[in-house]
Protein backbone atom coordinates (compact mmCIF):
# COMPACT_ATOMS: atom_id res chain seq x y z
CA MET A 1 54.91 -112.42 158.00
CA ARG A 2 57.09 -115.11 156.29
CA LEU A 3 56.30 -115.67 152.61
CA PHE A 4 59.36 -117.24 151.65
CA GLY A 5 60.37 -120.74 151.74
CA SER A 6 63.54 -122.51 150.28
CA SER A 7 62.36 -121.88 146.92
CA GLY A 8 61.12 -118.52 146.59
CA ILE A 9 57.35 -118.14 147.38
CA ARG A 10 54.81 -120.96 146.55
CA GLY A 11 51.75 -122.40 147.17
CA LEU A 12 48.24 -122.90 145.93
CA ALA A 13 47.12 -120.71 142.90
CA ASN A 14 44.52 -118.39 143.62
CA VAL A 15 44.39 -119.28 147.27
CA GLU A 16 48.07 -119.00 148.76
CA VAL A 17 49.47 -117.41 145.74
CA THR A 18 47.37 -114.39 144.37
CA SER A 19 46.90 -111.66 142.11
CA LEU A 20 46.95 -109.05 144.58
CA LEU A 21 50.20 -110.68 145.93
CA ALA A 22 51.98 -110.70 142.82
CA GLN A 23 51.09 -107.44 142.53
CA LYS A 24 52.71 -106.09 146.11
CA VAL A 25 55.66 -108.20 145.28
CA GLY A 26 55.96 -106.41 141.99
CA ALA A 27 55.41 -102.98 143.67
CA ALA A 28 57.63 -103.84 146.51
CA ILE A 29 60.71 -105.34 144.49
CA ALA A 30 60.38 -101.81 142.44
CA SER A 31 60.06 -99.53 145.58
CA GLN A 32 63.55 -100.70 146.19
CA PHE A 33 65.31 -99.03 143.38
CA GLU A 34 65.35 -95.52 142.37
CA GLY A 35 64.14 -96.81 138.73
CA GLY A 36 65.02 -99.28 135.61
CA ALA A 37 63.37 -102.48 134.48
CA ILE A 38 62.35 -105.79 136.01
CA LEU A 39 62.22 -108.64 133.74
CA ILE A 40 59.21 -111.05 134.07
CA GLY A 41 58.98 -115.00 132.99
CA ARG A 42 56.73 -117.69 134.10
CA ASP A 43 56.43 -121.53 132.89
CA THR A 44 53.38 -123.19 131.13
CA ARG A 45 50.95 -123.39 134.54
CA HIS A 46 47.23 -122.31 133.82
CA SER A 47 47.72 -119.53 136.28
CA GLY A 48 50.47 -118.09 135.29
CA GLU A 49 49.24 -115.42 133.10
CA MET A 50 47.01 -114.49 135.73
CA LEU A 51 49.92 -113.98 138.04
CA GLU A 52 51.80 -112.11 135.38
CA LYS A 53 49.94 -109.33 134.73
CA ALA A 54 49.33 -108.52 138.52
CA LEU A 55 53.42 -108.76 138.81
CA ILE A 56 53.40 -106.20 135.72
CA SER A 57 50.94 -103.88 137.43
CA GLY A 58 52.77 -103.56 140.50
CA VAL A 59 55.76 -102.82 138.68
CA VAL A 60 54.57 -100.12 136.38
CA SER A 61 52.62 -98.61 138.68
CA CYS A 62 55.95 -97.95 140.55
CA GLY A 63 57.25 -96.61 137.57
CA PHE A 64 59.18 -99.45 136.01
CA ILE A 65 59.86 -101.28 132.87
CA ALA A 66 58.12 -104.49 132.94
CA GLY A 67 60.42 -106.69 130.64
CA THR A 68 58.15 -109.63 129.84
CA LEU A 69 59.35 -112.82 128.67
CA GLY A 70 56.77 -115.04 128.22
CA VAL A 71 57.18 -118.86 128.96
CA VAL A 72 60.59 -119.47 129.34
CA PRO A 73 63.04 -121.32 131.34
CA THR A 74 64.34 -120.11 134.90
CA PRO A 75 67.48 -119.79 134.31
CA ALA A 76 66.94 -118.10 131.04
CA VAL A 77 65.44 -114.88 133.05
CA ALA A 78 68.20 -115.12 135.69
CA TRP A 79 71.03 -114.92 133.13
CA LEU A 80 68.94 -112.39 131.23
CA THR A 81 68.53 -110.04 133.90
CA LYS A 82 72.38 -110.17 134.22
CA GLU A 83 73.13 -109.68 130.70
CA MET A 84 70.63 -106.75 130.42
CA GLU A 85 71.35 -105.61 134.01
CA ALA A 86 67.88 -105.10 135.08
CA GLU A 87 67.35 -104.49 138.63
CA ALA A 88 65.67 -108.02 139.12
CA GLY A 89 64.27 -110.80 137.29
CA VAL A 90 61.17 -112.40 138.78
CA VAL A 91 60.04 -116.53 137.42
CA ILE A 92 56.35 -117.44 138.01
CA SER A 93 56.43 -121.20 138.65
CA ALA A 94 56.14 -123.93 141.11
CA SER A 95 59.10 -126.05 139.50
CA HIS A 96 57.98 -129.60 139.63
CA ASN A 97 54.79 -128.94 141.97
CA PRO A 98 51.25 -130.02 140.91
CA PRO A 99 49.60 -128.12 138.25
CA GLN A 100 47.31 -126.37 141.07
CA TYR A 101 50.52 -124.84 142.19
CA ASN A 102 52.20 -121.57 141.47
CA GLY A 103 54.74 -119.43 142.81
CA LEU A 104 57.43 -116.46 142.83
CA LYS A 105 61.29 -116.39 142.59
CA ILE A 106 62.87 -113.70 142.51
CA PHE A 107 66.78 -112.76 141.28
CA ASP A 108 69.08 -110.02 141.54
CA THR A 109 70.83 -108.13 139.10
CA THR A 110 73.83 -110.59 139.15
CA GLY A 111 71.11 -113.48 138.05
CA MET A 112 71.92 -115.12 141.76
CA ALA A 113 68.01 -115.90 143.21
CA TYR A 114 67.56 -114.06 146.38
CA THR A 115 69.23 -114.35 149.72
CA ALA A 116 67.22 -114.96 153.24
CA GLU A 117 68.10 -110.94 153.89
CA GLN A 118 67.27 -109.75 150.34
CA GLN A 119 63.79 -111.74 151.12
CA GLU A 120 62.93 -110.88 154.43
CA ARG A 121 63.76 -107.32 153.45
CA LEU A 122 60.95 -107.58 150.53
CA GLU A 123 58.63 -109.56 153.04
CA GLU A 124 59.09 -106.36 155.66
CA LEU A 125 58.17 -103.76 152.46
CA ILE A 126 55.15 -106.24 151.09
CA GLU A 127 54.09 -106.32 155.14
CA GLY A 128 54.28 -102.49 155.58
CA GLY A 129 52.10 -101.64 152.13
CA GLU A 130 53.54 -98.62 151.54
CA PHE A 131 55.49 -98.56 147.94
CA ALA A 132 57.15 -95.56 145.59
CA THR A 133 54.22 -95.60 143.93
CA SER A 134 54.62 -93.36 140.59
CA SER A 135 52.39 -90.29 139.77
CA TRP A 136 50.19 -90.62 137.04
CA ASN A 137 52.50 -89.27 134.41
CA ARG A 138 55.36 -91.41 135.12
CA VAL A 139 53.83 -95.02 135.53
CA GLY A 140 56.14 -97.37 133.77
CA SER A 141 55.66 -99.33 130.58
CA VAL A 142 55.71 -102.89 129.16
CA GLU A 143 57.89 -104.32 126.75
CA ALA A 144 57.75 -107.54 125.44
CA MET A 145 61.33 -109.63 124.38
CA ASP A 146 61.58 -113.00 122.48
CA ALA A 147 63.43 -114.40 125.54
CA GLY A 148 63.87 -117.88 124.40
CA ARG A 149 65.43 -117.29 120.91
CA ILE A 150 68.12 -114.88 122.75
CA TYR A 151 68.44 -117.88 125.09
CA VAL A 152 68.79 -120.31 122.30
CA ASP A 153 71.60 -118.46 120.45
CA ALA A 154 73.62 -117.72 123.93
CA LEU A 155 73.77 -121.31 124.15
CA VAL A 156 74.32 -122.46 120.63
CA GLN A 157 77.11 -119.35 120.87
CA LEU A 158 78.69 -121.30 123.57
CA ASN A 159 78.40 -125.54 122.80
CA ALA A 160 79.35 -126.96 119.53
CA PHE A 161 79.85 -130.77 119.15
CA ALA A 162 81.63 -133.12 116.66
CA ARG A 163 80.33 -136.29 117.72
CA ASP A 164 77.07 -137.38 115.86
CA TRP A 165 74.82 -137.31 118.77
CA ASN A 166 71.11 -138.94 118.90
CA LEU A 167 69.48 -137.93 121.86
CA VAL A 168 65.85 -138.54 123.54
CA CYS A 169 64.65 -135.62 125.84
CA ASP A 170 61.46 -135.81 127.90
CA LEU A 171 60.07 -131.88 128.49
CA PHE A 172 57.22 -132.97 130.66
CA ASN A 173 55.15 -130.12 129.10
CA GLY A 174 56.86 -127.49 130.87
CA ALA A 175 59.11 -124.09 130.61
CA THR A 176 61.68 -126.25 128.21
CA CYS A 177 58.99 -127.05 125.44
CA THR A 178 59.72 -123.19 124.18
CA VAL A 179 63.49 -123.65 123.54
CA VAL A 180 65.07 -127.35 123.48
CA PRO A 181 63.65 -127.79 120.15
CA ASP A 182 65.06 -124.92 118.41
CA LEU A 183 68.50 -125.28 120.15
CA PHE A 184 69.18 -129.15 119.21
CA GLU A 185 67.84 -128.14 115.65
CA ASP A 186 70.39 -125.08 115.96
CA LEU A 187 73.24 -126.81 117.26
CA GLY A 188 72.58 -129.62 114.27
CA VAL A 189 72.01 -132.36 117.07
CA ARG A 190 69.49 -135.58 116.57
CA ALA A 191 67.04 -135.42 118.86
CA THR A 192 63.84 -136.95 119.84
CA LEU A 193 61.35 -135.01 121.89
CA ILE A 194 58.73 -136.24 124.06
CA ASN A 195 55.82 -134.37 126.22
CA ALA A 196 57.21 -131.25 124.19
CA GLN A 197 53.28 -129.45 123.97
CA PRO A 198 53.58 -126.91 126.79
CA ASP A 199 50.47 -127.77 128.79
CA GLY A 200 50.10 -126.29 132.47
CA ARG A 201 47.99 -129.44 133.18
CA PHE A 202 51.26 -131.43 133.10
CA PRO A 203 49.18 -134.33 131.26
CA ALA A 204 52.81 -136.40 131.45
CA GLY A 205 52.67 -136.15 135.35
CA ASN A 206 53.87 -133.81 137.69
CA PRO A 207 57.28 -132.17 135.92
CA GLU A 208 59.64 -133.88 138.29
CA PRO A 209 62.52 -135.82 136.55
CA ASN A 210 62.95 -138.90 138.74
CA GLU A 211 63.78 -142.97 138.78
CA ALA A 212 59.92 -143.36 138.27
CA SER A 213 59.13 -140.57 136.09
CA LEU A 214 61.79 -141.17 133.73
CA ALA A 215 61.04 -145.07 133.12
CA ARG A 216 59.28 -143.65 129.72
CA LEU A 217 62.46 -141.72 128.54
CA GLY A 218 64.76 -144.55 129.62
CA SER A 219 62.24 -147.00 126.97
CA MET A 220 62.58 -144.19 124.35
CA VAL A 221 66.16 -143.88 124.41
CA ARG A 222 66.42 -148.13 124.09
CA LYS A 223 63.94 -147.72 121.21
CA LYS A 224 65.97 -145.14 119.27
CA ARG A 225 69.23 -146.69 120.60
CA ALA A 226 69.88 -143.27 121.93
CA ASP A 227 73.40 -142.12 123.36
CA VAL A 228 71.76 -140.55 126.15
CA GLY A 229 68.66 -139.00 127.22
CA PHE A 230 67.43 -135.55 129.63
CA GLY A 231 64.49 -134.69 131.43
CA PHE A 232 63.70 -131.42 132.97
CA ASP A 233 61.91 -130.27 135.26
CA GLY A 234 58.80 -128.01 134.81
CA ASP A 235 60.96 -124.64 134.98
CA GLY A 236 63.97 -125.84 133.49
CA ASP A 237 66.57 -125.27 135.93
CA ARG A 238 67.17 -128.87 137.14
CA MET A 239 68.10 -131.88 134.64
CA MET A 240 68.16 -135.90 135.08
CA ALA A 241 70.15 -138.18 132.91
CA VAL A 242 69.43 -141.67 131.28
CA ASP A 243 72.29 -143.56 130.17
CA GLU A 244 72.71 -145.49 126.91
CA ARG A 245 71.14 -148.32 128.38
CA GLY A 246 67.80 -146.93 129.44
CA ARG A 247 68.88 -147.14 133.07
CA VAL A 248 68.85 -144.07 135.60
CA PRO A 249 71.87 -143.75 137.46
CA SER A 250 72.09 -142.52 140.77
CA PRO A 251 72.27 -138.63 140.23
CA ASP A 252 74.69 -138.35 142.99
CA ARG A 253 77.01 -140.67 140.76
CA VAL A 254 76.67 -138.31 138.14
CA LEU A 255 77.37 -135.08 139.87
CA ALA A 256 80.46 -136.66 141.41
CA ALA A 257 81.54 -137.62 138.09
CA TYR A 258 81.06 -134.45 136.20
CA ALA A 259 82.10 -131.98 139.26
CA ARG A 260 85.66 -134.84 138.84
CA HIS A 261 85.81 -133.64 135.19
CA VAL A 262 85.65 -129.96 135.75
CA VAL A 263 88.14 -129.93 138.81
CA GLU A 264 90.39 -132.10 136.10
CA ALA A 265 89.31 -129.36 132.98
CA ASN A 266 90.27 -126.77 135.65
CA GLY A 267 93.68 -128.16 137.33
CA GLY A 268 91.98 -128.24 140.48
CA GLY A 269 88.91 -125.85 142.36
CA VAL A 270 86.06 -126.04 144.75
CA VAL A 271 83.32 -127.53 144.37
CA VAL A 272 80.28 -126.82 146.36
CA THR A 273 77.47 -129.32 147.11
CA HIS A 274 74.88 -129.70 150.17
CA VAL A 275 75.09 -131.55 153.06
CA GLY A 276 72.93 -134.62 152.10
CA ALA A 277 75.45 -135.29 149.07
CA SER A 278 76.71 -138.47 148.63
CA MET A 279 80.59 -139.03 150.00
CA SER A 280 81.59 -140.10 146.38
CA VAL A 281 81.09 -136.63 145.32
CA GLU A 282 83.97 -135.66 148.09
CA GLU A 283 85.88 -138.79 146.66
CA ALA A 284 85.93 -137.82 143.31
CA VAL A 285 86.64 -134.34 143.46
CA GLU A 286 89.88 -134.95 146.36
CA GLY A 287 91.28 -137.72 143.80
CA ALA A 288 91.21 -135.02 140.60
CA GLY A 289 93.18 -132.58 143.13
CA GLY A 290 89.99 -130.39 144.26
CA LYS A 291 87.96 -129.92 147.16
CA VAL A 292 84.59 -129.97 148.46
CA VAL A 293 82.48 -127.51 150.27
CA ARG A 294 78.99 -128.10 151.74
CA THR A 295 76.34 -125.87 152.57
CA LYS A 296 72.93 -125.99 153.53
CA VAL A 297 70.29 -127.63 151.06
CA GLY A 298 69.00 -124.94 148.89
CA ASP A 299 70.64 -123.62 144.88
CA VAL A 300 70.78 -120.08 146.47
CA ASN A 301 73.11 -121.52 149.64
CA ILE A 302 75.30 -123.48 147.14
CA THR A 303 75.70 -120.36 144.89
CA GLU A 304 76.34 -118.07 147.96
CA ALA A 305 79.41 -120.37 148.79
CA MET A 306 80.27 -120.64 145.18
CA GLY A 307 81.09 -116.69 145.26
CA GLU A 308 82.87 -116.73 149.01
CA HIS A 309 85.14 -120.02 147.51
CA ASP A 310 85.19 -119.10 143.93
CA ALA A 311 84.18 -122.60 142.96
CA VAL A 312 84.40 -123.73 139.44
CA PHE A 313 81.39 -125.99 139.90
CA GLY A 314 78.09 -126.23 142.37
CA GLY A 315 75.18 -128.77 142.05
CA GLU A 316 73.10 -130.66 144.38
CA PRO A 317 72.22 -134.30 143.63
CA VAL A 318 68.33 -133.59 142.18
CA GLY A 319 69.80 -132.30 139.01
CA ALA A 320 70.22 -128.36 140.15
CA TRP A 321 73.69 -127.90 138.49
CA ILE A 322 75.45 -124.25 138.44
CA HIS A 323 77.72 -123.10 136.11
CA PRO A 324 79.23 -119.96 137.10
CA ASP A 325 80.94 -119.09 134.32
CA VAL A 326 77.54 -118.63 132.49
CA ASN A 327 74.58 -118.21 135.11
CA LEU A 328 74.60 -117.90 138.97
CA CYS A 329 71.33 -120.06 138.61
CA PRO A 330 70.78 -124.02 137.89
CA ASP A 331 70.33 -124.36 134.31
CA GLY A 332 69.30 -127.75 133.53
CA VAL A 333 69.50 -127.46 129.71
CA LEU A 334 73.19 -126.11 130.23
CA SER A 335 73.66 -128.76 132.51
CA ALA A 336 72.73 -131.18 129.49
CA LEU A 337 74.85 -129.52 126.91
CA ARG A 338 78.15 -129.45 129.36
CA LEU A 339 77.45 -133.35 130.32
CA MET A 340 77.55 -133.88 126.65
CA THR A 341 80.74 -131.90 125.90
CA ALA A 342 82.38 -133.70 128.65
CA LEU A 343 81.09 -137.63 127.63
CA GLU A 344 82.42 -136.21 124.09
CA SER A 345 85.59 -135.22 125.29
CA GLU A 346 86.84 -138.05 127.19
CA GLY A 347 85.19 -140.38 124.44
CA LYS A 348 82.96 -142.10 126.47
CA THR A 349 79.01 -143.24 127.39
CA LEU A 350 77.55 -142.21 130.18
CA SER A 351 77.92 -145.36 132.11
CA GLU A 352 81.89 -145.52 131.33
CA PHE A 353 81.69 -141.93 132.77
CA ILE A 354 80.32 -142.90 135.92
CA GLY A 355 81.86 -146.19 136.21
CA ASP A 356 84.45 -146.03 138.61
CA ILE A 357 82.02 -144.01 140.99
CA PRO A 358 80.59 -146.06 143.68
CA GLU A 359 77.24 -146.16 144.73
CA TYR A 360 77.03 -146.34 148.37
CA PRO A 361 73.93 -147.67 150.33
CA THR A 362 72.07 -144.11 151.23
CA LEU A 363 69.00 -144.97 153.58
CA ARG A 364 66.45 -142.46 155.24
CA ASP A 365 64.20 -142.33 158.33
CA LYS A 366 62.12 -139.52 159.67
CA VAL A 367 60.90 -139.08 163.59
CA ARG A 368 57.63 -136.55 164.32
CA CYS A 369 58.46 -133.78 166.23
CA PRO A 370 56.34 -130.74 166.84
CA ASN A 371 57.50 -127.61 165.28
CA LYS A 372 57.27 -125.58 168.73
CA GLU A 373 59.88 -128.44 169.92
CA LYS A 374 62.76 -128.74 166.70
CA GLU A 375 65.04 -126.06 167.96
CA ALA A 376 65.38 -127.73 171.91
CA THR A 377 65.44 -130.97 169.77
CA MET A 378 68.34 -130.09 167.83
CA LYS A 379 70.41 -128.42 170.76
CA SER A 380 70.34 -132.23 171.96
CA ILE A 381 70.89 -134.05 169.00
CA SER A 382 74.14 -132.20 168.66
CA LYS A 383 75.64 -134.17 171.39
CA LEU A 384 74.59 -137.23 168.94
CA GLU A 385 78.88 -137.67 168.86
CA GLY A 386 79.33 -139.66 171.18
CA GLU A 387 76.77 -142.40 170.51
CA PHE A 388 79.32 -143.58 167.46
CA GLY A 389 83.05 -144.64 167.15
CA GLU A 390 85.90 -142.11 165.47
CA VAL A 391 83.69 -138.76 164.28
CA LYS A 392 86.20 -137.76 161.60
CA ASP A 393 84.16 -134.01 161.67
CA VAL A 394 81.15 -132.37 162.65
CA SER A 395 79.52 -130.02 161.38
CA THR A 396 76.11 -127.81 162.22
CA VAL A 397 75.80 -125.52 158.71
CA ASP A 398 72.25 -127.99 158.23
CA GLY A 399 71.49 -129.71 161.36
CA VAL A 400 74.36 -132.10 162.73
CA ARG A 401 76.11 -133.92 160.14
CA LEU A 402 78.93 -136.76 161.57
CA GLN A 403 81.81 -137.36 158.93
CA LEU A 404 82.83 -141.13 160.06
CA GLU A 405 85.19 -143.34 158.73
CA ASP A 406 83.22 -145.16 157.04
CA GLY A 407 79.88 -142.79 156.12
CA TRP A 408 78.37 -140.43 157.56
CA VAL A 409 75.21 -139.52 159.60
CA LEU A 410 73.02 -136.19 158.93
CA ILE A 411 69.58 -135.34 161.01
CA ARG A 412 68.06 -132.22 160.08
CA PRO A 413 65.10 -130.77 161.11
CA SER A 414 62.35 -130.77 158.09
CA GLY A 415 61.63 -126.75 157.11
CA THR A 416 57.80 -127.58 155.96
CA GLU A 417 56.76 -130.47 157.96
CA PRO A 418 56.71 -131.61 161.80
CA ILE A 419 59.03 -133.83 161.67
CA ILE A 420 62.82 -134.44 161.86
CA ARG A 421 64.45 -136.12 159.22
CA ILE A 422 67.61 -138.63 159.32
CA THR A 423 70.15 -139.66 156.57
CA VAL A 424 72.79 -142.13 156.53
CA GLU A 425 75.40 -143.18 154.15
CA ALA A 426 77.96 -146.05 154.56
CA HIS A 427 80.14 -148.30 152.01
CA GLU A 428 78.11 -151.29 153.34
CA VAL A 429 74.57 -152.20 153.93
CA GLY A 430 74.58 -153.26 157.12
CA ARG A 431 76.58 -150.16 158.59
CA ALA A 432 74.06 -147.94 156.85
CA GLU A 433 71.40 -150.15 158.78
CA GLN A 434 73.44 -149.94 162.05
CA LEU A 435 73.87 -145.72 161.59
CA LEU A 436 70.14 -145.55 161.13
CA GLU A 437 69.08 -147.46 163.95
CA THR A 438 71.45 -145.92 166.30
CA SER A 439 70.70 -142.01 165.01
CA ARG A 440 66.69 -143.14 164.87
CA ARG A 441 67.04 -144.47 168.86
CA PHE A 442 68.58 -141.76 169.84
CA VAL A 443 66.29 -138.87 168.31
CA GLU A 444 63.49 -141.10 169.98
CA GLY A 445 65.38 -140.47 173.24
CA VAL A 446 65.76 -137.03 172.98
CA LEU A 447 61.92 -136.75 171.94
CA GLY A 448 60.72 -138.90 175.07
CA GLY A 449 63.33 -137.71 177.48
């Protein structure tokens, strides 16, 4: 039985992600341990409270304390799980998905999201249905915590600004609504907040910051003559920035510039990103004396690699940035504060901060491929190397990635659809188009053969 995807358990609320499933998940998590506490937080979705009650029931039935955190960002749950040395933390959220979806994401006692191995073990427990339930007089209890306040206080202790900042933030009616207003007030930062009312119907649209959805934020940045703007996703683990002119810069460029800043501040170090991030990340980091390690797509893969390589920073271009000195979970609010600190220390606007980071043309395509044929197809695609000129490096960490002198090609199977995805990047548009055409023809040839 496969329950977990790339970001925990996720599906239609009360259809795929049901209260019965949540109860089993709670009992299964608790059954792995001898006793203790499991923390539970949620985003603003309408179905969240239903799933929270069911999850609590499963946890308490096994003699554990269920620490309820209410509506808080995902990174707050991860951070508190580590700080309080709880056995696990669970977030009830479907991140940027539409309001009819919900999900469960689980963190271990270090504050790191469950790995594939930990997820597999939990699936076995759930499928077996034999949980370590307690006798009537040893059932656990429920303890509510003001987690938002604790998290805000911690962020205030970690950050201070000398500059007279003028910000605009779009909270997308998500979990950051419970912390961002108090945070900037306590920091003495002038911030205009839009869509700042918690509302699980997401009246402002799906809580996913991207170039299209951040247009209103850009407009408000221009209207308020703000220094910078930030948009946060539904559960607060991702951030995307808007510059002082209201433009949405390439998230790869922002990632590359910030990674360089961290490497320079540390006198070197390893930065971890995934196979689909721009080559501008390598150029920026290596130019500052650092090294880039690439992983499979997914923040848990990045976090694992960060531990293995003692990395100073890790992140995905979608705005999931990991700051290992504070949290092993991507943290959108902390990322905004850290980016502000970088801009302040370098005395730059965001457009100046990323000004020398090139924006290379990136092209994408997809080829239909039945799920049952994906494995054999990818084995044949591993021979793609011969289709190009000089290949500097070949990686099979996640699909097949070829590093060329003037660009790269990535071909990987979709984890959710019957397709093979193709991504290419090059220094010039014409070369990117050539790489995409060659790659597509090769994949279609493999499937046709």
